[in-house]
Amino acid sequence: MNFSQAQFIASYGKFSQIPASDRTEIAFSGRSNVGKSSLINKLFNRKSLARVSATPGKTVTINFYSLENIYIVDLPGYGYAKVAKTEKVRWAGLIEGYLNADRELDLVFQLVDFRHPPTADDLMMINFLIDSEIPFVVVLTKADKLKKTQREERLKALQTELPCADQITVVPFSAETGEGIEEIRAIVEEIASAEE
């Protein structure tokens, strides 16, 4: 699979604008500023296909990228405090609308900041994915920011912090060092090849 051939397709600000699902989709979910855009750029081997910002809450649309026979879907970041309530409601509607719709969603990469326990919003999202029986993988971002002992402590803590932790695939990831990207690509390729 040639990841660098990925193309940006469209952004949608309202769920009603999104066309019907016609192929397998893999979504990326996580709170604002957790590193979704950085991960997508790393996945595609591109510097700025997904817009990266130091300001949380920058991705306010659902962004679709085409990769061979599948779509990669970048969901808006959730849990950012400094936006108007109406915006929060719109984002929630977008994310919920997308996840509840009858789409060919094969997997969600749920991003969680490795340095901290999952937020209440992270846990709400993970529980939603479990209850909805949507397959997901937890990606622990910013892995390069932790020392070895801190990583071990966080991994151990996650066993009690995450619901059904023993059944969840967890991938530590760093946009800086590239750690975890091959594992993430392998998961994407496995799903894409099942569709051929």
C-alpha atoms as a PDB file:
ATOM      1  CA  MET A   1       0.000   0.000   0.000  1.00  0.00           C
ATOM      2  CA  ASN A   2       1.458   3.340  -1.044  1.00  0.00           C
ATOM      3  CA  PHE A   3       0.641   5.623   1.886  1.00  0.00           C
ATOM      4  CA  SER A   4       2.237   8.684   0.285  1.00  0.00           C
ATOM      5  CA  GLN A   5      -0.384   8.505  -2.505  1.00  0.00           C
ATOM      6  CA  ALA A   6      -3.145   9.514  -0.072  1.00  0.00           C
ATOM      7  CA  GLN A   7      -5.258  12.456  -1.182  1.00  0.00           C
ATOM      8  CA  PHE A   8      -7.417  14.939   0.659  1.00  0.00           C
ATOM      9  CA  ILE A   9     -11.008  14.535  -0.557  1.00  0.00           C
ATOM     10  CA  ALA A  10     -13.254  16.921   1.369  1.00  0.00           C
ATOM     11  CA  SER A  11     -14.145  18.547   4.692  1.00  0.00           C
ATOM     12  CA  TYR A  12     -17.655  18.532   6.098  1.00  0.00           C
ATOM     13  CA  GLY A  13     -18.894  20.885   8.805  1.00  0.00           C
ATOM     14  CA  LYS A  14     -22.294  19.237   9.185  1.00  0.00           C
ATOM     15  CA  PHE A  15     -23.149  15.573   9.288  1.00  0.00           C
ATOM     16  CA  SER A  16     -25.929  16.102   6.727  1.00  0.00           C
ATOM     17  CA  GLN A  17     -23.288  17.118   4.134  1.00  0.00           C
ATOM     18  CA  ILE A  18     -21.405  13.812   4.264  1.00  0.00           C
ATOM     19  CA  PRO A  19     -22.133  11.572   1.265  1.00  0.00           C
ATOM     20  CA  ALA A  20     -23.236   7.983   1.834  1.00  0.00           C
ATOM     21  CA  SER A  21     -20.514   5.483   2.622  1.00  0.00           C
ATOM     22  CA  ASP A  22     -19.287   3.615  -0.467  1.00  0.00           C
ATOM     23  CA  ARG A  23     -16.087   2.020   0.816  1.00  0.00           C
ATOM     24  CA  THR A  24     -14.304   0.971   3.994  1.00  0.00           C
ATOM     25  CA  GLU A  25     -13.537   3.804   6.390  1.00  0.00           C
ATOM     26  CA  ILE A  26     -10.962   4.031   9.177  1.00  0.00           C
ATOM     27  CA  ALA A  27     -11.518   6.942  11.554  1.00  0.00           C
ATOM     28  CA  PHE A  28      -9.147   8.806  13.850  1.00  0.00           C
ATOM     29  CA  SER A  29     -10.654  10.120  17.065  1.00  0.00           C
ATOM     30  CA  GLY A  30      -9.266  11.945  20.081  1.00  0.00           C
ATOM     31  CA  ARG A  31      -9.425  15.076  22.153  1.00  0.00           C
ATOM     32  CA  SER A  32      -8.225  18.425  20.811  1.00  0.00           C
ATOM     33  CA  ASN A  33      -4.465  18.701  20.454  1.00  0.00           C
ATOM     34  CA  VAL A  34      -3.809  14.994  21.096  1.00  0.00           C
ATOM     35  CA  GLY A  35      -1.932  14.758  17.782  1.00  0.00           C
ATOM     36  CA  LYS A  36      -4.417  13.387  15.229  1.00  0.00           C
ATOM     37  CA  SER A  37      -3.196  15.581  12.364  1.00  0.00           C
ATOM     38  CA  SER A  38       0.446  14.781  13.175  1.00  0.00           C
ATOM     39  CA  LEU A  39      -0.340  11.059  13.158  1.00  0.00           C
ATOM     40  CA  ILE A  40      -2.226  11.276   9.857  1.00  0.00           C
ATOM     41  CA  ASN A  41       0.657  13.193   8.257  1.00  0.00           C
ATOM     42  CA  LYS A  42       3.136  10.598   9.564  1.00  0.00           C
ATOM     43  CA  LEU A  43       0.918   7.769   8.306  1.00  0.00           C
ATOM     44  CA  PHE A  44       0.847   9.330   4.827  1.00  0.00           C
ATOM     45  CA  ASN A  45       4.525  10.299   4.897  1.00  0.00           C
ATOM     46  CA  ARG A  46       3.549  13.917   4.241  1.00  0.00           C
ATOM     47  CA  LYS A  47       4.428  17.112   6.073  1.00  0.00           C
ATOM     48  CA  SER A  48       1.129  18.947   5.861  1.00  0.00           C
ATOM     49  CA  LEU A  49      -1.654  16.962   4.221  1.00  0.00           C
ATOM     50  CA  ALA A  50      -3.565  17.255   7.509  1.00  0.00           C
ATOM     51  CA  ARG A  51      -3.289  20.741   8.980  1.00  0.00           C
ATOM     52  CA  VAL A  52      -1.336  20.698  12.229  1.00  0.00           C
ATOM     53  CA  SER A  53      -1.813  23.482  14.737  1.00  0.00           C
ATOM     54  CA  ALA A  54      -0.512  24.351  18.182  1.00  0.00           C
ATOM     55  CA  THR A  55      -3.979  25.712  18.895  1.00  0.00           C
ATOM     56  CA  PRO A  56      -6.386  23.053  20.170  1.00  0.00           C
ATOM     57  CA  GLY A  57      -9.717  22.720  18.434  1.00  0.00           C
ATOM     58  CA  LYS A  58      -8.351  23.489  14.953  1.00  0.00           C
ATOM     59  CA  THR A  59      -9.975  20.523  13.227  1.00  0.00           C
ATOM     60  CA  VAL A  60     -13.625  21.585  13.343  1.00  0.00           C
ATOM     61  CA  THR A  61     -14.755  19.499  10.395  1.00  0.00           C
ATOM     62  CA  ILE A  62     -14.730  15.817   9.483  1.00  0.00           C
ATOM     63  CA  ASN A  63     -11.953  15.457   6.925  1.00  0.00           C
ATOM     64  CA  PHE A  64     -11.882  12.617   4.404  1.00  0.00           C
ATOM     65  CA  TYR A  65      -8.691  11.332   2.797  1.00  0.00           C
ATOM     66  CA  SER A  66      -8.614   8.721   0.053  1.00  0.00           C
ATOM     67  CA  LEU A  67      -6.016   5.954   0.308  1.00  0.00           C
ATOM     68  CA  GLU A  68      -6.293   3.416  -2.501  1.00  0.00           C
ATOM     69  CA  ASN A  69      -9.573   1.544  -1.794  1.00  0.00           C
ATOM     70  CA  ILE A  70     -10.380   3.056   1.621  1.00  0.00           C
ATOM     71  CA  TYR A  71     -11.120   6.382   3.290  1.00  0.00           C
ATOM     72  CA  ILE A  72      -9.177   7.706   6.260  1.00  0.00           C
ATOM     73  CA  VAL A  73     -11.507   9.923   8.291  1.00  0.00           C
ATOM     74  CA  ASP A  74     -10.196  12.605  10.651  1.00  0.00           C
ATOM     75  CA  LEU A  75     -12.858  13.428  13.245  1.00  0.00           C
ATOM     76  CA  PRO A  76     -12.884  16.814  15.026  1.00  0.00           C
ATOM     77  CA  GLY A  77     -11.086  16.881  18.356  1.00  0.00           C
ATOM     78  CA  TYR A  78     -13.367  16.842  21.381  1.00  0.00           C
ATOM     79  CA  GLY A  79     -13.095  18.215  24.899  1.00  0.00           C
ATOM     80  CA  TYR A  80     -11.620  21.622  24.150  1.00  0.00           C
ATOM     81  CA  ALA A  81     -12.889  24.117  26.696  1.00  0.00           C
ATOM     82  CA  LYS A  82     -12.317  27.429  24.921  1.00  0.00           C
ATOM     83  CA  VAL A  83     -14.973  27.208  22.235  1.00  0.00           C
ATOM     84  CA  ALA A  84     -18.540  28.437  22.273  1.00  0.00           C
ATOM     85  CA  LYS A  85     -21.156  26.011  23.517  1.00  0.00           C
ATOM     86  CA  THR A  86     -22.860  26.075  20.115  1.00  0.00           C
ATOM     87  CA  GLU A  87     -19.591  24.906  18.512  1.00  0.00           C
ATOM     88  CA  LYS A  88     -19.258  22.082  21.044  1.00  0.00           C
ATOM     89  CA  VAL A  89     -22.811  20.970  20.259  1.00  0.00           C
ATOM     90  CA  ARG A  90     -22.052  21.089  16.515  1.00  0.00           C
ATOM     91  CA  TRP A  91     -18.852  19.031  16.960  1.00  0.00           C
ATOM     92  CA  ALA A  92     -20.659  16.495  19.127  1.00  0.00           C
ATOM     93  CA  GLY A  93     -23.389  16.254  16.488  1.00  0.00           C
ATOM     94  CA  LEU A  94     -20.785  15.713  13.786  1.00  0.00           C
ATOM     95  CA  ILE A  95     -18.908  13.012  15.699  1.00  0.00           C
ATOM     96  CA  GLU A  96     -22.021  11.236  17.001  1.00  0.00           C
ATOM     97  CA  GLY A  97     -23.767  11.542  13.650  1.00  0.00           C
ATOM     98  CA  TYR A  98     -20.798   9.954  11.930  1.00  0.00           C
ATOM     99  CA  LEU A  99     -20.290   7.157  14.469  1.00  0.00           C
ATOM    100  CA  ASN A 100     -24.005   6.328  14.719  1.00  0.00           C
ATOM    101  CA  ALA A 101     -24.612   6.327  10.973  1.00  0.00           C
ATOM    102  CA  ASP A 102     -24.773   3.170   8.920  1.00  0.00           C
ATOM    103  CA  ARG A 103     -21.303   3.562   7.447  1.00  0.00           C
ATOM    104  CA  GLU A 104     -18.628   1.086   6.440  1.00  0.00           C
ATOM    105  CA  LEU A 105     -16.575   1.986   9.479  1.00  0.00           C
ATOM    106  CA  ASP A 106     -14.145  -0.874  10.068  1.00  0.00           C
ATOM    107  CA  LEU A 107     -11.935   0.638  12.749  1.00  0.00           C
ATOM    108  CA  VAL A 108     -11.387   3.691  14.930  1.00  0.00           C
ATOM    109  CA  PHE A 109      -7.915   4.694  16.044  1.00  0.00           C
ATOM    110  CA  GLN A 110      -8.688   6.280  19.418  1.00  0.00           C
ATOM    111  CA  LEU A 111      -5.853   8.620  20.378  1.00  0.00           C
ATOM    112  CA  VAL A 112      -4.983   9.196  24.033  1.00  0.00           C
ATOM    113  CA  ASP A 113      -2.115  11.328  25.361  1.00  0.00           C
ATOM    114  CA  PHE A 114       0.363   8.785  26.771  1.00  0.00           C
ATOM    115  CA  ARG A 115       1.576  11.258  29.420  1.00  0.00           C
ATOM    116  CA  HIS A 116      -1.758  11.508  31.239  1.00  0.00           C
ATOM    117  CA  PRO A 117      -4.619   9.265  32.339  1.00  0.00           C
ATOM    118  CA  PRO A 118      -7.458   9.170  29.780  1.00  0.00           C
ATOM    119  CA  THR A 119      -9.783  12.168  30.230  1.00  0.00           C
ATOM    120  CA  ALA A 120     -13.483  11.768  31.032  1.00  0.00           C
ATOM    121  CA  ASP A 121     -14.161  12.501  27.337  1.00  0.00           C
ATOM    122  CA  ASP A 122     -11.660   9.812  26.272  1.00  0.00           C
ATOM    123  CA  LEU A 123     -13.367   7.261  28.521  1.00  0.00           C
ATOM    124  CA  MET A 124     -16.803   8.300  27.271  1.00  0.00           C
ATOM    125  CA  MET A 125     -15.608   7.762  23.697  1.00  0.00           C
ATOM    126  CA  ILE A 126     -13.988   4.389  24.484  1.00  0.00           C
ATOM    127  CA  ASN A 127     -17.125   3.205  26.289  1.00  0.00           C
ATOM    128  CA  PHE A 128     -19.226   4.378  23.343  1.00  0.00           C
ATOM    129  CA  LEU A 129     -17.040   2.364  20.927  1.00  0.00           C
ATOM    130  CA  ILE A 130     -17.299  -0.709  23.162  1.00  0.00           C
ATOM    131  CA  ASP A 131     -21.091  -0.375  23.549  1.00  0.00           C
ATOM    132  CA  SER A 132     -21.527   0.236  19.806  1.00  0.00           C
ATOM    133  CA  GLU A 133     -19.278  -2.740  19.018  1.00  0.00           C
ATOM    134  CA  ILE A 134     -17.086  -0.578  16.790  1.00  0.00           C
ATOM    135  CA  PRO A 135     -13.594  -2.110  16.605  1.00  0.00           C
ATOM    136  CA  PHE A 136     -10.888   0.261  17.844  1.00  0.00           C
ATOM    137  CA  VAL A 137      -7.207   0.522  18.690  1.00  0.00           C
ATOM    138  CA  VAL A 138      -5.902   2.910  21.345  1.00  0.00           C
ATOM    139  CA  VAL A 139      -2.933   4.950  20.114  1.00  0.00           C
ATOM    140  CA  LEU A 140      -0.867   6.498  22.903  1.00  0.00           C
ATOM    141  CA  THR A 141       0.498   9.739  21.439  1.00  0.00           C
ATOM    142  CA  LYS A 142       3.546  11.795  22.427  1.00  0.00           C
ATOM    143  CA  ALA A 143       5.408   8.630  23.496  1.00  0.00           C
ATOM    144  CA  ASP A 144       8.777  10.352  23.007  1.00  0.00           C
ATOM    145  CA  LYS A 145       7.976  12.744  25.875  1.00  0.00           C
ATOM    146  CA  LEU A 146       8.181   9.951  28.481  1.00  0.00           C
ATOM    147  CA  LYS A 147      11.245   8.348  30.018  1.00  0.00           C
ATOM    148  CA  LYS A 148      11.389   4.540  30.149  1.00  0.00           C
ATOM    149  CA  THR A 149      10.212   4.276  33.776  1.00  0.00           C
ATOM    150  CA  GLN A 150       7.399   6.795  33.172  1.00  0.00           C
ATOM    151  CA  ARG A 151       6.237   4.748  30.170  1.00  0.00           C
ATOM    152  CA  GLU A 152       6.179   1.573  32.221  1.00  0.00           C
ATOM    153  CA  GLU A 153       4.211   3.310  34.974  1.00  0.00           C
ATOM    154  CA  ARG A 154       1.685   4.765  32.489  1.00  0.00           C
ATOM    155  CA  LEU A 155       1.237   1.399  30.716  1.00  0.00           C
ATOM    156  CA  LYS A 156       0.631  -0.291  34.048  1.00  0.00           C
ATOM    157  CA  ALA A 157      -1.834   2.415  35.130  1.00  0.00           C
ATOM    158  CA  LEU A 158      -3.742   2.100  31.836  1.00  0.00           C
ATOM    159  CA  GLN A 159      -4.595  -1.487  32.772  1.00  0.00           C
ATOM    160  CA  THR A 160      -6.915  -0.070  35.437  1.00  0.00           C
ATOM    161  CA  GLU A 161      -7.783   3.240  33.721  1.00  0.00           C
ATOM    162  CA  LEU A 162      -9.112   1.793  30.461  1.00  0.00           C
ATOM    163  CA  PRO A 163     -12.322  -0.255  30.416  1.00  0.00           C
ATOM    164  CA  CYS A 164     -11.673  -3.791  29.092  1.00  0.00           C
ATOM    165  CA  ALA A 165      -7.952  -2.925  29.032  1.00  0.00           C
ATOM    166  CA  ASP A 166      -6.882  -6.570  28.668  1.00  0.00           C
ATOM    167  CA  GLN A 167      -8.825  -6.813  25.377  1.00  0.00           C
ATOM    168  CA  ILE A 168      -7.646  -3.537  23.821  1.00  0.00           C
ATOM    169  CA  THR A 169      -4.785  -3.260  21.346  1.00  0.00           C
ATOM    170  CA  VAL A 170      -2.572  -0.380  22.482  1.00  0.00           C
ATOM    171  CA  VAL A 171       0.090   1.220  20.256  1.00  0.00           C
ATOM    172  CA  PRO A 172       2.544   3.774  21.697  1.00  0.00           C
ATOM    173  CA  PHE A 173       3.184   6.405  19.017  1.00  0.00           C
ATOM    174  CA  SER A 174       5.514   9.349  18.480  1.00  0.00           C
ATOM    175  CA  ALA A 175       5.257  11.768  15.558  1.00  0.00           C
ATOM    176  CA  GLU A 176       8.820  12.843  16.413  1.00  0.00           C
ATOM    177  CA  THR A 177      10.555   9.452  16.301  1.00  0.00           C
ATOM    178  CA  GLY A 178       8.066   7.517  14.164  1.00  0.00           C
ATOM    179  CA  GLU A 179       7.594   4.914  16.881  1.00  0.00           C
ATOM    180  CA  GLY A 180       4.426   2.891  16.288  1.00  0.00           C
ATOM    181  CA  ILE A 181       3.806   4.102  12.731  1.00  0.00           C
ATOM    182  CA  GLU A 182       4.696   0.774  11.103  1.00  0.00           C
ATOM    183  CA  GLU A 183       2.306  -1.032  13.437  1.00  0.00           C
ATOM    184  CA  ILE A 184      -0.466   1.455  12.591  1.00  0.00           C
ATOM    185  CA  ARG A 185       0.244   1.095   8.845  1.00  0.00           C
ATOM    186  CA  ALA A 186       0.134  -2.695   9.162  1.00  0.00           C
ATOM    187  CA  ILE A 187      -3.328  -2.486  10.775  1.00  0.00           C
ATOM    188  CA  VAL A 188      -4.548  -0.154   8.001  1.00  0.00           C
ATOM    189  CA  GLU A 189      -3.128  -2.474   5.311  1.00  0.00           C
ATOM    190  CA  GLU A 190      -4.760  -5.515   6.892  1.00  0.00           C
ATOM    191  CA  ILE A 191      -8.176  -3.825   6.794  1.00  0.00           C
ATOM    192  CA  ALA A 192      -7.663  -2.536   3.243  1.00  0.00           C
ATOM    193  CA  SER A 193      -6.572  -5.965   1.957  1.00  0.00           C
ATOM    194  CA  ALA A 194      -9.657  -7.579   3.488  1.00  0.00           C
ATOM    195  CA  GLU A 195     -11.719  -5.288   1.239  1.00  0.00           C
ATOM    196  CA  GLU A 196     -10.095  -6.266  -2.042  1.00  0.00           C
END
